[in-house]
Amino acid sequence: MDFNWTPEQLEFRATVRAFLAEHLPPNWETVAHGPASEVQSEFADVFCRKLAQAGLLVPHWPLRWGGRDADAWTAFILAEEMWMAGEPRGGQYMNVNWIGPTLMRHGSEEQQQRYIPPMAGGATIWCQGFSEPESGSDLASLRTRAEKIGANYRINGQKIWTSYAGYADTCFLLARTSPGKNGISIFLVPMETPGITVRQIPSVIGEGDIHEVFFDDVEVPETAMLGGEGQAWEITRTALSLERVGIPRFALASLMLRRSVDRLKKAGRYSGSAVEQSARAHAACESARLYSYNIIDQRVRGITAGPEASAGRFATVNAERLVGEFVVEHCPEALAGGEPMLQAHHQRAIVAGIASGAAEIQLNIIATDLLKLPREPR
């Protein structure tokens, strides 16, 4: 087994770092973790268009769709560097990681022609309409309905905790078209459609990051459906597998851990429990990294990750949690001001166990589908 990067991979990483060095402003860390409106509506839009022009937004996509036919390692190297830099792509990482590839696999020709080119050009933001009040990680219980009316569907319901909804152009929406677990379908809904109301939710992770979205008699044509009626589970499994291992949060966590340790060393306070706790956090970051790399290796070899994606996701959640606890315990002054990246990482580590499916749900999937443990009788 060779754990070394190839010369081509090292060259690509260096290219991404050089691009970041050239295009991120000197005050980037302050800008990146200021109000989301500033990042999303101003900087991220310009930055992603420049990335696209340089061939660095979707290099792993097919040539047909504006990519370079690069492999999954290229995509993950790109994601690592972006996350370590504070994710200057903003909400477009969803387009790049999983929405675009999902449309390539399941979308109609019309849907692909309409939606994929703007993604490849860095000119659009999407949001995902999954969670609902009283129906968070339990998608089977969602109640937003899509009723067939002639050649249209009329959608009524509510979504919550929807990232970037206030800036998104289109929503990847799950709605119920018939009763039962298999009665859920997916719709690609322009956010400017009449009847959609977006309300910001105040949050510790930043202004404008998450929202609740209301659908009141929202009508979309039947051509807005992705796949067929009742195919949401099949399509969503593909999307979630890409999402859960598409965000290398462990890379930023590892960087924040190193910064914190450096602070302690300079202050002469890196000893005793700080050394022990930082070692545990570092081991967790490395565990998450290697688990993610294993799944990326499977993708390169054409193997679709199953419950392993949940294990990789939980390893990353654990890494972020341990780094966050280390910073609180040993560098609380850094969270009080002067370290925007450390502050932002700590805030986002708090909610890491909820995003992309709650950590408890990931553990259930690991137990039943990966470890094959028997389910508890109801």
Protein backbone atom coordinates (compact mmCIF):
# COMPACT_ATOMS: atom_id res chain seq x y z
CA MET A 1 0.00 0.00 0.00
CA ASP A 2 1.43 3.36 -1.02
CA PHE A 3 0.37 6.30 1.15
CA ASN A 4 2.35 8.84 -0.88
CA TRP A 5 0.79 11.33 -3.29
CA THR A 6 1.72 11.07 -6.94
CA PRO A 7 3.74 13.90 -8.54
CA GLU A 8 0.59 14.94 -10.43
CA GLN A 9 -1.44 15.12 -7.22
CA LEU A 10 1.25 17.16 -5.47
CA GLU A 11 1.36 19.51 -8.44
CA PHE A 12 -2.42 19.94 -8.38
CA ARG A 13 -2.40 20.71 -4.63
CA ALA A 14 0.34 23.29 -5.20
CA THR A 15 -1.73 24.84 -8.00
CA VAL A 16 -4.77 25.18 -5.74
CA ARG A 17 -2.68 26.71 -2.96
CA ALA A 18 -1.13 29.19 -5.37
CA PHE A 19 -4.60 30.19 -6.59
CA LEU A 20 -5.78 30.73 -3.03
CA ALA A 21 -2.70 32.78 -2.20
CA GLU A 22 -3.34 34.99 -5.21
CA HIS A 23 -7.10 35.45 -4.92
CA LEU A 24 -7.87 35.51 -1.17
CA PRO A 25 -7.55 39.02 0.31
CA PRO A 26 -5.17 39.68 3.24
CA ASN A 27 -8.14 40.00 5.61
CA TRP A 28 -9.76 36.83 4.31
CA GLU A 29 -10.11 35.10 7.69
CA THR A 30 -12.12 38.04 9.01
CA VAL A 31 -14.22 38.24 5.84
CA ALA A 32 -14.79 34.49 5.70
CA HIS A 33 -16.29 34.37 9.15
CA GLY A 34 -18.22 37.60 9.09
CA PRO A 35 -21.91 37.85 8.09
CA ALA A 36 -22.82 35.16 5.57
CA SER A 37 -24.47 37.77 3.33
CA GLU A 38 -21.10 39.41 2.77
CA VAL A 39 -19.44 36.13 1.83
CA GLN A 40 -22.24 34.58 -0.21
CA SER A 41 -23.53 37.54 -2.18
CA GLU A 42 -20.23 39.25 -2.82
CA PHE A 43 -17.01 37.30 -2.42
CA ALA A 44 -18.01 33.67 -3.06
CA ASP A 45 -19.79 34.50 -6.32
CA VAL A 46 -16.76 36.30 -7.76
CA PHE A 47 -14.34 33.72 -6.38
CA CYS A 48 -16.17 30.71 -7.86
CA ARG A 49 -16.34 32.31 -11.29
CA LYS A 50 -12.56 32.81 -11.14
CA LEU A 51 -12.13 29.21 -10.01
CA ALA A 52 -14.19 28.05 -12.97
CA GLN A 53 -12.17 30.14 -15.41
CA ALA A 54 -8.98 28.58 -14.02
CA GLY A 55 -10.41 25.06 -14.37
CA LEU A 56 -10.39 24.56 -10.60
CA LEU A 57 -14.09 24.52 -9.72
CA VAL A 58 -15.16 21.15 -11.16
CA PRO A 59 -12.00 19.45 -12.52
CA HIS A 60 -13.42 16.03 -11.58
CA TRP A 61 -16.52 16.52 -13.75
CA PRO A 62 -16.71 15.10 -17.29
CA LEU A 63 -15.38 17.21 -20.13
CA ARG A 64 -18.91 17.44 -21.49
CA TRP A 65 -19.99 19.37 -18.40
CA GLY A 66 -17.05 21.73 -18.07
CA GLY A 67 -14.69 19.48 -16.13
CA ARG A 68 -11.38 17.84 -16.96
CA ASP A 69 -12.27 14.17 -16.38
CA ALA A 70 -10.04 14.19 -13.30
CA ASP A 71 -10.56 11.46 -10.69
CA ALA A 72 -12.07 11.55 -7.20
CA TRP A 73 -8.67 12.20 -5.61
CA THR A 74 -8.46 15.49 -7.47
CA ALA A 75 -11.88 16.49 -6.15
CA PHE A 76 -10.91 15.61 -2.60
CA ILE A 77 -7.58 17.43 -2.73
CA LEU A 78 -9.48 20.48 -3.94
CA ALA A 79 -12.00 20.12 -1.12
CA GLU A 80 -9.27 19.74 1.52
CA GLU A 81 -7.51 22.90 0.42
CA MET A 82 -10.75 24.87 0.23
CA TRP A 83 -11.86 23.80 3.70
CA MET A 84 -8.46 24.52 5.24
CA ALA A 85 -8.74 27.99 3.74
CA GLY A 86 -12.19 28.57 5.26
CA GLU A 87 -14.27 27.38 2.27
CA PRO A 88 -14.28 30.46 0.00
CA ARG A 89 -16.66 28.65 -2.38
CA GLY A 90 -19.44 29.25 0.13
CA GLY A 91 -22.62 27.31 -0.66
CA GLN A 92 -21.36 26.23 -4.07
CA TYR A 93 -19.54 23.27 -2.53
CA MET A 94 -22.92 21.49 -2.59
CA ASN A 95 -23.22 21.99 -6.35
CA VAL A 96 -19.67 20.76 -6.87
CA ASN A 97 -19.77 17.77 -4.51
CA TRP A 98 -23.11 16.13 -4.99
CA ILE A 99 -25.92 18.06 -6.68
CA GLY A 100 -24.15 18.33 -10.04
CA PRO A 101 -23.03 14.66 -10.10
CA THR A 102 -26.52 13.55 -9.01
CA LEU A 103 -28.12 15.46 -11.90
CA MET A 104 -25.60 13.95 -14.32
CA ARG A 105 -26.68 10.49 -13.20
CA HIS A 106 -30.43 10.92 -12.77
CA GLY A 107 -31.48 14.13 -14.54
CA SER A 108 -33.27 14.41 -17.85
CA GLU A 109 -31.45 15.98 -20.79
CA GLU A 110 -33.49 19.15 -20.32
CA GLN A 111 -32.64 19.35 -16.62
CA GLN A 112 -28.96 18.75 -17.27
CA GLN A 113 -28.77 21.41 -19.97
CA ARG A 114 -30.60 23.91 -17.79
CA TYR A 115 -28.83 23.43 -14.47
CA ILE A 116 -25.36 21.93 -14.92
CA PRO A 117 -23.62 24.63 -17.04
CA PRO A 118 -24.31 27.41 -14.48
CA MET A 119 -22.87 25.16 -11.77
CA ALA A 120 -19.74 24.51 -13.81
CA GLY A 121 -19.39 28.26 -14.41
CA GLY A 122 -19.63 29.13 -10.72
CA ALA A 123 -22.76 31.17 -11.36
CA THR A 124 -25.38 29.55 -9.12
CA ILE A 125 -26.12 28.37 -5.57
CA TRP A 126 -28.42 25.51 -4.57
CA CYS A 127 -30.02 24.51 -1.29
CA GLN A 128 -31.42 21.16 -0.23
CA GLY A 129 -34.97 20.91 1.08
CA PHE A 130 -34.74 17.82 3.30
CA SER A 131 -35.34 18.43 7.03
CA GLU A 132 -38.72 19.49 8.39
CA PRO A 133 -40.11 20.37 11.82
CA GLU A 134 -40.51 17.06 13.71
CA SER A 135 -38.92 15.30 10.73
CA GLY A 136 -35.21 16.01 10.84
CA SER A 137 -33.08 12.95 10.09
CA ASP A 138 -36.19 10.78 9.68
CA LEU A 139 -36.90 11.61 6.05
CA ALA A 140 -39.53 8.89 5.81
CA SER A 141 -41.82 10.98 8.03
CA LEU A 142 -41.65 14.18 5.98
CA ARG A 143 -45.00 15.87 5.36
CA THR A 144 -44.39 18.42 2.60
CA ARG A 145 -46.78 17.32 -0.14
CA ALA A 146 -46.70 17.58 -3.90
CA GLU A 147 -50.14 17.04 -5.43
CA LYS A 148 -50.53 16.35 -9.14
CA ILE A 149 -52.73 18.98 -10.78
CA GLY A 150 -52.92 18.37 -14.52
CA ALA A 151 -49.41 18.82 -15.92
CA ASN A 152 -48.18 20.50 -12.73
CA TYR A 153 -47.48 19.64 -9.11
CA ARG A 154 -48.75 21.85 -6.31
CA ILE A 155 -46.39 21.86 -3.30
CA ASN A 156 -47.35 22.72 0.27
CA GLY A 157 -45.24 22.35 3.38
CA GLN A 158 -42.25 23.60 5.33
CA LYS A 159 -38.50 22.88 5.43
CA ILE A 160 -36.15 23.89 8.21
CA TRP A 161 -32.40 24.20 8.87
CA THR A 162 -31.97 24.82 5.14
CA SER A 163 -28.44 26.07 4.49
CA TYR A 164 -28.05 28.98 2.04
CA ALA A 165 -31.76 29.13 1.22
CA GLY A 166 -31.64 32.91 1.38
CA TYR A 167 -29.03 33.00 -1.39
CA ALA A 168 -29.96 29.94 -3.42
CA ASP A 169 -31.31 30.02 -6.96
CA THR A 170 -32.75 26.48 -6.88
CA CYS A 171 -33.87 23.98 -4.24
CA PHE A 172 -33.26 20.23 -4.39
CA LEU A 173 -36.58 19.44 -2.74
CA LEU A 174 -37.98 16.23 -1.27
CA ALA A 175 -41.79 16.08 -1.13
CA ARG A 176 -44.40 13.41 -0.61
CA THR A 177 -46.36 12.41 -3.72
CA SER A 178 -48.14 9.40 -2.15
CA PRO A 179 -48.42 7.72 1.27
CA GLY A 180 -45.76 5.39 2.64
CA LYS A 181 -41.98 5.31 2.73
CA ASN A 182 -41.70 4.94 -1.04
CA GLY A 183 -44.06 7.82 -1.77
CA ILE A 184 -41.38 10.52 -1.76
CA SER A 185 -40.17 12.29 -4.90
CA ILE A 186 -37.58 14.93 -5.76
CA PHE A 187 -38.28 18.28 -7.40
CA LEU A 188 -35.88 20.89 -8.74
CA VAL A 189 -37.61 24.08 -7.68
CA PRO A 190 -36.46 27.61 -8.64
CA MET A 191 -36.48 29.70 -5.45
CA GLU A 192 -38.13 32.60 -7.28
CA THR A 193 -41.29 30.50 -7.82
CA PRO A 194 -44.38 32.27 -6.38
CA GLY A 195 -45.47 30.91 -3.01
CA ILE A 196 -41.98 30.36 -1.52
CA THR A 197 -41.12 32.27 1.66
CA VAL A 198 -37.65 32.14 3.25
CA ARG A 199 -37.00 33.18 6.84
CA GLN A 200 -33.57 33.38 8.43
CA ILE A 201 -32.96 31.41 11.64
CA PRO A 202 -30.65 33.14 14.16
CA SER A 203 -27.77 30.78 14.82
CA VAL A 204 -24.47 30.45 16.64
CA ILE A 205 -22.80 29.46 13.37
CA GLY A 206 -23.38 32.80 11.70
CA GLU A 207 -25.84 35.26 10.24
CA GLY A 208 -27.70 34.01 7.19
CA ASP A 209 -26.37 30.46 7.20
CA ILE A 210 -29.61 28.57 7.89
CA HIS A 211 -33.25 29.23 7.15
CA GLU A 212 -36.76 27.88 7.25
CA VAL A 213 -38.60 27.70 3.94
CA PHE A 214 -42.37 27.71 3.45
CA PHE A 215 -44.15 26.37 0.35
CA ASP A 216 -47.69 27.68 -0.07
CA ASP A 217 -49.44 26.40 -3.23
CA VAL A 218 -46.15 26.44 -5.11
CA GLU A 219 -46.75 25.12 -8.62
CA VAL A 220 -44.02 23.54 -10.71
CA PRO A 221 -44.31 21.63 -14.00
CA GLU A 222 -44.03 17.86 -13.97
CA THR A 223 -40.70 18.29 -15.79
CA ALA A 224 -39.32 19.66 -12.49
CA MET A 225 -39.38 16.14 -11.02
CA LEU A 226 -35.98 14.44 -10.85
CA GLY A 227 -36.41 10.82 -11.87
CA GLY A 228 -39.87 9.35 -11.43
CA GLU A 229 -42.45 9.40 -8.66
CA GLY A 230 -41.27 7.53 -5.58
CA GLN A 231 -37.61 7.39 -6.64
CA ALA A 232 -36.33 9.77 -3.95
CA TRP A 233 -34.72 7.06 -1.83
CA GLU A 234 -32.71 5.60 -4.68
CA ILE A 235 -31.48 9.02 -5.82
CA THR A 236 -30.93 10.41 -2.31
CA ARG A 237 -28.71 7.47 -1.33
CA THR A 238 -26.38 8.45 -4.16
CA ALA A 239 -26.44 12.10 -3.13
CA LEU A 240 -25.90 11.51 0.60
CA SER A 241 -23.00 9.15 0.00
CA LEU A 242 -21.26 11.90 -1.96
CA GLU A 243 -22.19 14.56 0.62
CA ARG A 244 -21.10 12.70 3.77
CA VAL A 245 -17.54 12.20 2.58
CA GLY A 246 -17.40 15.24 0.33
CA ILE A 247 -16.70 17.73 3.12
CA PRO A 248 -13.23 17.17 4.67
CA ARG A 249 -13.96 18.98 7.91
CA PHE A 250 -11.14 17.02 9.52
CA ALA A 251 -8.64 19.03 7.44
CA LEU A 252 -9.73 22.32 9.00
CA ALA A 253 -9.99 20.68 12.43
CA SER A 254 -6.40 19.43 12.14
CA LEU A 255 -5.20 22.89 11.10
CA MET A 256 -7.01 24.52 14.04
CA LEU A 257 -5.48 21.96 16.39
CA ARG A 258 -1.98 22.83 15.16
CA ARG A 259 -2.67 26.55 15.61
CA SER A 260 -3.88 25.97 19.15
CA VAL A 261 -0.85 23.85 20.04
CA ASP A 262 1.43 26.55 18.61
CA ARG A 263 -0.26 29.13 20.83
CA LEU A 264 0.31 26.97 23.88
CA LYS A 265 3.95 26.32 23.00
CA LYS A 266 4.66 30.04 22.58
CA ALA A 267 3.04 30.71 25.94
CA GLY A 268 4.95 27.86 27.61
CA ARG A 269 1.70 26.08 28.47
CA TYR A 270 1.95 22.98 26.31
CA SER A 271 2.41 20.23 28.89
CA GLY A 272 0.57 17.64 30.92
CA SER A 273 -3.09 17.20 30.02
CA ALA A 274 -2.74 19.53 27.01
CA VAL A 275 -0.28 17.13 25.37
CA GLU A 276 -2.45 14.12 26.10
CA GLN A 277 -5.68 15.75 24.91
CA SER A 278 -4.09 17.14 21.75
CA ALA A 279 -2.72 13.68 20.94
CA ARG A 280 -6.21 12.19 21.16
CA ALA A 281 -7.63 14.94 18.96
CA HIS A 282 -4.81 14.52 16.43
CA ALA A 283 -5.41 10.75 16.31
CA ALA A 284 -9.12 11.39 15.67
CA CYS A 285 -8.29 13.78 12.81
CA GLU A 286 -5.97 11.22 11.24
CA SER A 287 -8.57 8.48 11.67
CA ALA A 288 -11.17 10.60 9.89
CA ARG A 289 -8.70 11.43 7.14
CA LEU A 290 -7.72 7.82 6.48
CA TYR A 291 -11.33 6.62 6.61
CA SER A 292 -12.29 9.26 4.06
CA TYR A 293 -9.30 8.39 1.88
CA ASN A 294 -10.39 4.75 1.87
CA ILE A 295 -13.81 5.75 0.53
CA ILE A 296 -12.24 8.01 -2.10
CA ASP A 297 -10.06 5.09 -3.16
CA GLN A 298 -13.21 3.00 -3.60
CA ARG A 299 -14.72 5.70 -5.80
CA VAL A 300 -11.62 5.78 -7.98
CA ARG A 301 -11.96 2.01 -8.42
CA GLY A 302 -15.65 2.28 -9.28
CA ILE A 303 -16.98 0.97 -5.97
CA THR A 304 -19.99 2.81 -4.54
CA ALA A 305 -19.66 3.44 -0.81
CA GLY A 306 -22.52 2.17 1.32
CA PRO A 307 -22.67 2.41 5.12
CA GLU A 308 -18.92 3.13 5.07
CA ALA A 309 -19.86 6.71 4.18
CA SER A 310 -21.69 7.00 7.50
CA ALA A 311 -18.65 5.65 9.35
CA GLY A 312 -16.43 8.19 7.61
CA ARG A 313 -18.89 10.94 8.46
CA PHE A 314 -19.01 9.96 12.14
CA ALA A 315 -15.21 9.80 12.34
CA THR A 316 -15.11 13.39 11.08
CA VAL A 317 -17.76 14.50 13.59
CA ASN A 318 -15.70 12.92 16.38
CA ALA A 319 -12.53 14.68 15.20
CA GLU A 320 -14.23 18.08 15.16
CA ARG A 321 -15.70 17.48 18.61
CA LEU A 322 -12.36 16.54 20.17
CA VAL A 323 -10.57 19.52 18.62
CA GLY A 324 -13.33 21.83 19.80
CA GLU A 325 -13.10 20.45 23.33
CA PHE A 326 -9.32 20.90 23.31
CA VAL A 327 -9.60 24.55 22.30
CA VAL A 328 -12.22 25.27 24.98
CA GLU A 329 -10.14 23.58 27.64
CA HIS A 330 -6.72 24.97 26.83
CA CYS A 331 -7.15 28.07 24.60
CA PRO A 332 -10.38 29.74 25.77
CA GLU A 333 -8.83 33.16 25.23
CA ALA A 334 -8.62 32.44 21.49
CA LEU A 335 -12.41 32.07 21.40
CA ALA A 336 -12.90 35.43 23.10
CA GLY A 337 -11.47 37.38 20.18
CA GLY A 338 -8.56 37.77 17.78
CA GLU A 339 -8.75 34.33 16.15
CA PRO A 340 -11.66 34.35 13.66
CA MET A 341 -10.85 30.91 12.21
CA LEU A 342 -10.65 29.26 15.64
CA GLN A 343 -13.88 30.93 16.69
CA ALA A 344 -15.65 29.85 13.51
CA HIS A 345 -14.35 26.29 13.72
CA HIS A 346 -15.53 25.98 17.30
CA GLN A 347 -18.99 27.25 16.39
CA ARG A 348 -19.31 24.89 13.46
CA ALA A 349 -17.94 21.94 15.43
CA ILE A 350 -20.93 22.36 17.75
CA VAL A 351 -23.34 21.60 14.89
CA ALA A 352 -21.14 19.12 13.01
CA GLY A 353 -23.09 16.24 14.49
CA ILE A 354 -26.31 17.49 12.91
CA ALA A 355 -25.30 18.48 9.37
CA SER A 356 -25.54 15.78 6.67
CA GLY A 357 -27.68 13.67 8.97
CA ALA A 358 -27.46 13.54 12.77
CA ALA A 359 -24.52 11.64 14.27
CA GLU A 360 -26.95 9.32 16.06
CA ILE A 361 -28.52 8.36 12.73
CA GLN A 362 -25.04 7.65 11.33
CA LEU A 363 -24.38 5.36 14.32
CA ASN A 364 -27.64 3.50 13.66
CA ILE A 365 -26.62 2.95 10.04
CA ILE A 366 -23.16 1.79 11.11
CA ALA A 367 -24.65 -0.67 13.62
CA THR A 368 -27.32 -2.20 11.39
CA ASP A 369 -25.79 -1.98 7.91
CA LEU A 370 -22.03 -2.07 8.50
CA LEU A 371 -21.65 -4.13 11.70
CA LYS A 372 -24.85 -6.10 10.99
CA LEU A 373 -26.03 -5.86 14.58
CA PRO A 374 -29.63 -6.95 15.20
CA ARG A 375 -32.22 -4.21 15.51
CA GLU A 376 -33.82 -3.71 18.91
CA PRO A 377 -37.46 -4.89 18.94
CA ARG A 378 -39.94 -2.02 19.07
